Amino acid sequence: MTEVTKPIILGVSGASGLIYAVRAVKFLLAADYCVELVASKASYQVWKAEQNISMPPEPDRQEQFWREQAGVEKSGKLRCHRYSNVGANIASGSFQTLGMIVMPCSMSTVAKIATGLSSDLLERAADVQIKESAKLVVVPRETPLSLIHLRNLVSLAEVGVKIVPAIPAWYHSPQTIEDVVDFVVARAFDQLGIDCVPLNRWEGT
């Protein structure tokens, strides 16, 4: 399997900020990447709370759901997994990927990954990335952060996980909410060597 054809795992946890995941799907598919997506059980509740939308549990219907939300009808490859399917391909270290991003990442998910607790497919896939010394990026979306949260994030950083908080920048002159979100998405992608988000990068003064 070549680097070009290796998929990217996108984990979507139950943190607020599903727009980050939607924009990630949009840019990855538009750039013709292959995406393996797993949404946690709690993310269904967040979709209902933030958008008053019910995300379908069936993988085929969920694929169409994400494509519709991202506005990408055909390009790229997207495969969705049930959060309970711990026998999926992404649960195995022998399944080669470009890495995994959990975006947005709840503090509950951070805690479970940090302690090696794999109670669903998202957590198992993240655990696999760590044990294989593969690339894992988490985008925590919480404020304020408690000492427990910070210690769990330190535990992840100590084993090589990249922490990209959902904190915007302003030097690229964002004009819309999407511009603010896209900065975070781009910085998360940077950790995997992926450059597919239009972004005015800092060039110095």
Protein backbone atom coordinates (compact mmCIF):
# COMPACT_ATOMS: atom_id res chain seq x y z
CA MET A 1 0.00 0.00 0.00
CA THR A 2 1.51 3.34 -1.04
CA GLU A 3 1.41 6.51 1.04
CA VAL A 4 -1.08 7.96 -1.44
CA THR A 5 -3.58 5.14 -0.96
CA LYS A 6 -3.23 4.79 2.82
CA PRO A 7 -6.37 5.99 4.59
CA ILE A 8 -6.76 8.52 7.36
CA ILE A 9 -8.79 7.62 10.43
CA LEU A 10 -11.10 10.36 11.66
CA GLY A 11 -12.59 9.86 15.10
CA VAL A 12 -15.51 12.08 16.08
CA SER A 13 -16.22 12.13 19.79
CA GLY A 14 -19.07 13.66 21.77
CA ALA A 15 -17.46 17.06 22.31
CA SER A 16 -19.18 20.20 21.11
CA GLY A 17 -17.91 21.47 17.78
CA LEU A 18 -18.94 18.95 15.13
CA ILE A 19 -18.22 21.61 12.53
CA TYR A 20 -14.54 20.71 12.94
CA ALA A 21 -15.26 17.15 11.83
CA VAL A 22 -17.49 18.28 8.97
CA ARG A 23 -14.83 20.62 7.61
CA ALA A 24 -12.19 17.90 7.98
CA VAL A 25 -14.30 15.49 5.94
CA LYS A 26 -14.91 18.19 3.33
CA PHE A 27 -11.24 18.95 2.73
CA LEU A 28 -10.01 15.35 2.87
CA LEU A 29 -12.60 14.04 0.41
CA ALA A 30 -12.20 17.03 -1.90
CA ALA A 31 -8.46 16.27 -1.97
CA ASP A 32 -9.29 12.65 -2.86
CA TYR A 33 -8.13 11.08 0.39
CA CYS A 34 -9.55 7.86 1.79
CA VAL A 35 -11.22 8.43 5.16
CA GLU A 36 -12.15 5.81 7.74
CA LEU A 37 -14.63 7.54 10.05
CA VAL A 38 -15.90 6.40 13.43
CA ALA A 39 -18.26 8.54 15.48
CA SER A 40 -18.74 7.81 19.16
CA LYS A 41 -22.09 7.07 20.78
CA ALA A 42 -22.15 10.51 22.42
CA SER A 43 -21.65 12.27 19.07
CA TYR A 44 -25.19 11.30 18.07
CA GLN A 45 -26.47 13.38 20.97
CA VAL A 46 -24.28 16.31 19.99
CA TRP A 47 -25.64 16.29 16.43
CA LYS A 48 -29.13 16.49 17.90
CA ALA A 49 -28.19 19.25 20.34
CA GLU A 50 -26.15 21.43 17.96
CA GLN A 51 -27.99 20.98 14.67
CA ASN A 52 -31.23 19.20 15.60
CA ILE A 53 -30.19 16.46 13.17
CA SER A 54 -30.29 12.71 13.70
CA MET A 55 -27.17 10.96 12.40
CA PRO A 56 -28.08 7.52 11.01
CA PRO A 57 -26.32 4.56 12.66
CA GLU A 58 -26.11 2.41 9.52
CA PRO A 59 -22.63 2.80 7.94
CA ASP A 60 -23.90 3.24 4.36
CA ARG A 61 -26.46 5.85 5.34
CA GLN A 62 -23.98 7.54 7.62
CA GLU A 63 -21.52 7.86 4.74
CA GLN A 64 -24.14 9.71 2.72
CA PHE A 65 -24.99 11.82 5.78
CA TRP A 66 -21.39 13.01 6.19
CA ARG A 67 -21.04 13.69 2.47
CA GLU A 68 -24.18 15.80 2.56
CA GLN A 69 -23.01 17.74 5.61
CA ALA A 70 -19.60 18.33 4.02
CA GLY A 71 -21.00 19.16 0.59
CA VAL A 72 -18.81 16.60 -1.20
CA GLU A 73 -20.87 14.24 -3.30
CA LYS A 74 -18.42 11.90 -5.00
CA SER A 75 -14.70 12.61 -4.63
CA GLY A 76 -12.47 10.75 -2.20
CA LYS A 77 -13.39 7.58 -0.37
CA LEU A 78 -15.35 7.47 2.86
CA ARG A 79 -16.10 4.45 4.98
CA CYS A 80 -18.05 4.83 8.21
CA HIS A 81 -17.95 2.37 11.10
CA ARG A 82 -20.31 1.64 13.97
CA TYR A 83 -18.77 2.69 17.27
CA SER A 84 -19.51 -0.78 18.65
CA ASN A 85 -17.72 -2.67 15.87
CA VAL A 86 -14.41 -3.39 17.58
CA GLY A 87 -13.67 -5.97 14.88
CA ALA A 88 -13.34 -3.31 12.17
CA ASN A 89 -10.17 -2.90 10.12
CA ILE A 90 -9.07 0.20 12.06
CA ALA A 91 -9.01 -1.84 15.29
CA SER A 92 -5.94 -3.75 14.09
CA GLY A 93 -2.33 -2.65 14.08
CA SER A 94 -1.79 -4.53 10.82
CA PHE A 95 -4.09 -2.06 9.03
CA GLN A 96 -1.80 0.63 7.66
CA THR A 97 -2.86 4.28 7.76
CA LEU A 98 -1.46 7.80 7.45
CA GLY A 99 -2.52 8.31 11.04
CA MET A 100 -5.58 9.23 13.07
CA ILE A 101 -7.19 12.49 14.14
CA VAL A 102 -9.81 12.69 16.89
CA MET A 103 -11.69 15.93 16.19
CA PRO A 104 -13.40 17.20 18.21
CA CYS A 105 -12.08 15.23 21.18
CA SER A 106 -13.98 15.21 24.46
CA MET A 107 -12.21 15.07 27.80
CA SER A 108 -13.85 11.72 28.41
CA THR A 109 -12.25 10.38 25.24
CA VAL A 110 -8.91 11.93 26.19
CA ALA A 111 -9.08 10.19 29.58
CA LYS A 112 -9.94 6.81 28.11
CA ILE A 113 -7.18 6.98 25.49
CA ALA A 114 -4.66 8.16 28.09
CA THR A 115 -5.42 5.20 30.34
CA GLY A 116 -5.61 2.60 27.57
CA LEU A 117 -9.33 2.02 28.06
CA SER A 118 -10.82 0.83 24.75
CA SER A 119 -14.55 0.65 25.36
CA ASP A 120 -15.52 1.37 21.73
CA LEU A 121 -14.01 1.40 18.25
CA LEU A 122 -12.85 5.01 18.40
CA GLU A 123 -10.87 4.42 21.57
CA ARG A 124 -9.51 1.10 20.29
CA ALA A 125 -8.35 2.69 17.03
CA ALA A 126 -6.56 5.43 18.98
CA ASP A 127 -4.98 2.86 21.29
CA VAL A 128 -3.72 0.99 18.22
CA GLN A 129 -2.06 4.14 16.86
CA ILE A 130 -0.22 4.58 20.15
CA LYS A 131 0.93 0.97 20.49
CA GLU A 132 2.14 0.95 16.89
CA SER A 133 4.00 4.26 17.39
CA ALA A 134 1.85 5.66 14.60
CA LYS A 135 0.61 9.22 14.30
CA LEU A 136 -2.27 10.27 16.52
CA VAL A 137 -3.64 13.80 16.81
CA VAL A 138 -6.29 14.89 19.29
CA VAL A 139 -8.17 18.17 19.03
CA PRO A 140 -9.58 18.79 22.53
CA ARG A 141 -12.56 21.14 22.75
CA GLU A 142 -13.15 22.07 26.35
CA THR A 143 -12.77 25.11 28.59
CA PRO A 144 -11.65 25.63 31.25
CA LEU A 145 -9.34 22.67 31.57
CA SER A 146 -9.15 21.03 34.98
CA LEU A 147 -5.94 19.62 36.44
CA ILE A 148 -7.25 16.14 35.60
CA HIS A 149 -7.74 17.16 31.96
CA LEU A 150 -4.25 18.63 31.79
CA ARG A 151 -2.63 15.55 33.32
CA ASN A 152 -4.39 13.29 30.84
CA LEU A 153 -3.23 15.47 27.94
CA VAL A 154 0.33 15.36 29.30
CA SER A 155 0.12 11.56 29.44
CA LEU A 156 -0.81 11.52 25.77
CA ALA A 157 1.93 13.99 24.82
CA GLU A 158 4.49 11.86 26.65
CA VAL A 159 3.79 8.93 24.32
CA GLY A 160 3.98 11.07 21.19
CA VAL A 161 0.36 12.09 20.64
CA LYS A 162 0.07 15.55 19.10
CA ILE A 163 -2.29 17.88 20.95
CA VAL A 164 -3.93 20.54 18.76
CA PRO A 165 -6.41 22.50 20.89
CA ALA A 166 -9.36 24.05 19.08
CA ILE A 167 -7.89 27.53 19.51
CA PRO A 168 -8.16 29.96 16.58
CA ALA A 169 -5.54 32.37 15.29
CA TRP A 170 -6.19 35.80 13.83
CA TYR A 171 -3.13 36.61 11.72
CA HIS A 172 -4.76 34.99 8.68
CA SER A 173 -7.62 37.53 8.91
CA PRO A 174 -10.59 35.17 9.28
CA GLN A 175 -13.85 36.57 7.94
CA THR A 176 -16.26 33.72 8.71
CA ILE A 177 -16.80 31.00 11.29
CA GLU A 178 -15.55 28.54 8.69
CA ASP A 179 -12.28 30.51 8.41
CA VAL A 180 -11.78 30.22 12.17
CA VAL A 181 -12.56 26.50 12.14
CA ASP A 182 -10.43 25.80 9.08
CA PHE A 183 -7.30 27.16 10.79
CA VAL A 184 -7.61 24.48 13.48
CA VAL A 185 -8.36 21.78 10.90
CA ALA A 186 -5.31 22.80 8.86
CA ARG A 187 -3.02 22.73 11.90
CA ALA A 188 -4.32 19.27 12.82
CA PHE A 189 -3.67 18.07 9.26
CA ASP A 190 -0.15 19.54 9.43
CA GLN A 191 0.70 16.98 12.10
CA LEU A 192 0.10 14.22 9.53
CA GLY A 193 1.89 16.04 6.72
CA ILE A 194 -1.38 16.81 4.94
CA ASP A 195 -1.80 20.19 3.25
CA CYS A 196 -5.23 20.45 1.66
CA VAL A 197 -6.86 23.39 3.45
CA PRO A 198 -6.58 26.83 1.81
CA LEU A 199 -4.86 28.89 4.47
CA ASN A 200 -2.94 32.15 4.57
CA ARG A 201 0.08 30.90 6.47
CA TRP A 202 2.34 33.17 8.47
CA GLU A 203 5.14 34.50 6.27
CA GLY A 204 6.85 36.75 8.81
CA THR A 205 6.88 40.51 9.14
